């Protein structure tokens, strides 16, 4: 991870793809998010082995936004 204009560059492998994220979050935060995403993607794939990667990612995003909406209502 490197510092560019106050932003951090973080390289992550999510699923089977490599990504580079740029933002102000700490390395620890980005690592935690990456680990949680991979854990949740693995759980989705275990529950639905025939699901493709794109659909698994959409389901993960849907679940995350759903959780966010529930928390905002409280």
Protein backbone atom coordinates (compact mmCIF):
# COMPACT_ATOMS: atom_id res chain seq x y z
CA UNK A 1 0.00 0.00 0.00
CA UNK A 2 1.38 3.43 -0.91
CA UNK A 3 0.37 6.99 -0.12
CA UNK A 4 -0.79 9.11 -3.07
CA UNK A 5 -2.13 12.62 -2.37
CA UNK A 6 -3.24 11.54 1.11
CA UNK A 7 -4.91 8.42 -0.26
CA UNK A 8 -3.77 4.88 0.32
CA UNK A 9 -3.45 2.37 -2.51
CA UNK A 10 -4.45 -1.13 -1.43
CA UNK A 11 -4.09 -4.26 -3.56
CA UNK A 12 -6.56 -7.05 -2.82
CA UNK A 13 -7.53 -10.41 -4.24
CA UNK A 14 -11.29 -10.90 -4.02
CA UNK A 15 -12.59 -14.14 -5.39
CA UNK A 16 -10.17 -14.95 -8.17
CA UNK A 17 -9.51 -11.38 -9.29
CA UNK A 18 -6.95 -8.80 -8.26
CA UNK A 19 -8.07 -5.25 -7.52
CA UNK A 20 -6.44 -2.00 -6.50
CA UNK A 21 -8.47 0.32 -4.27
CA UNK A 22 -7.56 3.92 -3.53
CA UNK A 23 -8.90 5.72 -0.47
CA UNK A 24 -8.22 7.11 2.96
CA UNK A 25 -8.97 3.92 4.92
CA UNK A 26 -6.21 2.20 6.84
CA UNK A 27 -4.51 -0.98 5.68
CA UNK A 28 -6.14 -2.84 8.57
CA UNK A 29 -9.60 -1.66 7.52
CA UNK A 30 -9.08 -2.65 3.90
CA UNK A 31 -7.68 -6.05 4.90
CA UNK A 32 -10.68 -6.68 7.16
CA UNK A 33 -13.11 -5.74 4.39
CA UNK A 34 -11.28 -7.97 1.90
CA UNK A 35 -11.28 -10.91 4.30
CA UNK A 36 -15.00 -10.49 5.06
CA UNK A 37 -15.85 -10.25 1.36
CA UNK A 38 -13.92 -13.42 0.58
CA UNK A 39 -15.55 -15.24 3.52
CA UNK A 40 -19.02 -14.20 2.40
CA UNK A 41 -18.34 -15.06 -1.25
CA UNK A 42 -17.15 -18.52 -0.15
CA UNK A 43 -20.32 -19.03 1.92
CA UNK A 44 -22.52 -18.02 -1.03
CA UNK A 45 -20.63 -20.44 -3.28
CA UNK A 46 -20.98 -23.24 -0.69
CA UNK A 47 -24.75 -22.68 -0.46
CA UNK A 48 -25.16 -22.36 -4.24
CA UNK A 49 -22.28 -24.20 -5.93
CA UNK A 50 -23.61 -23.53 -9.42
CA UNK A 51 -23.78 -19.74 -8.98
CA UNK A 52 -21.36 -17.83 -11.20
CA UNK A 53 -18.96 -15.21 -9.85
CA UNK A 54 -20.94 -12.23 -11.16
CA UNK A 55 -24.18 -13.41 -9.56
CA UNK A 56 -22.38 -14.23 -6.29
CA UNK A 57 -20.96 -10.68 -6.25
CA UNK A 58 -24.42 -9.17 -6.88
CA UNK A 59 -25.89 -11.28 -4.07
CA UNK A 60 -23.09 -10.18 -1.74
CA UNK A 61 -23.70 -6.52 -2.62
CA UNK A 62 -27.46 -6.92 -2.18
CA UNK A 63 -26.96 -8.46 1.26
CA UNK A 64 -24.56 -5.69 2.28
CA UNK A 65 -26.94 -2.91 1.19
CA UNK A 66 -29.85 -4.70 2.86
CA UNK A 67 -27.89 -4.81 6.13
CA UNK A 68 -27.04 -1.12 5.75
CA UNK A 69 -30.71 -0.18 5.24
CA UNK A 70 -31.73 -2.20 8.32
CA UNK A 71 -29.08 -0.43 10.44
CA UNK A 72 -30.20 3.01 9.22
CA UNK A 73 -33.78 2.28 10.32
CA UNK A 74 -32.68 1.62 13.91
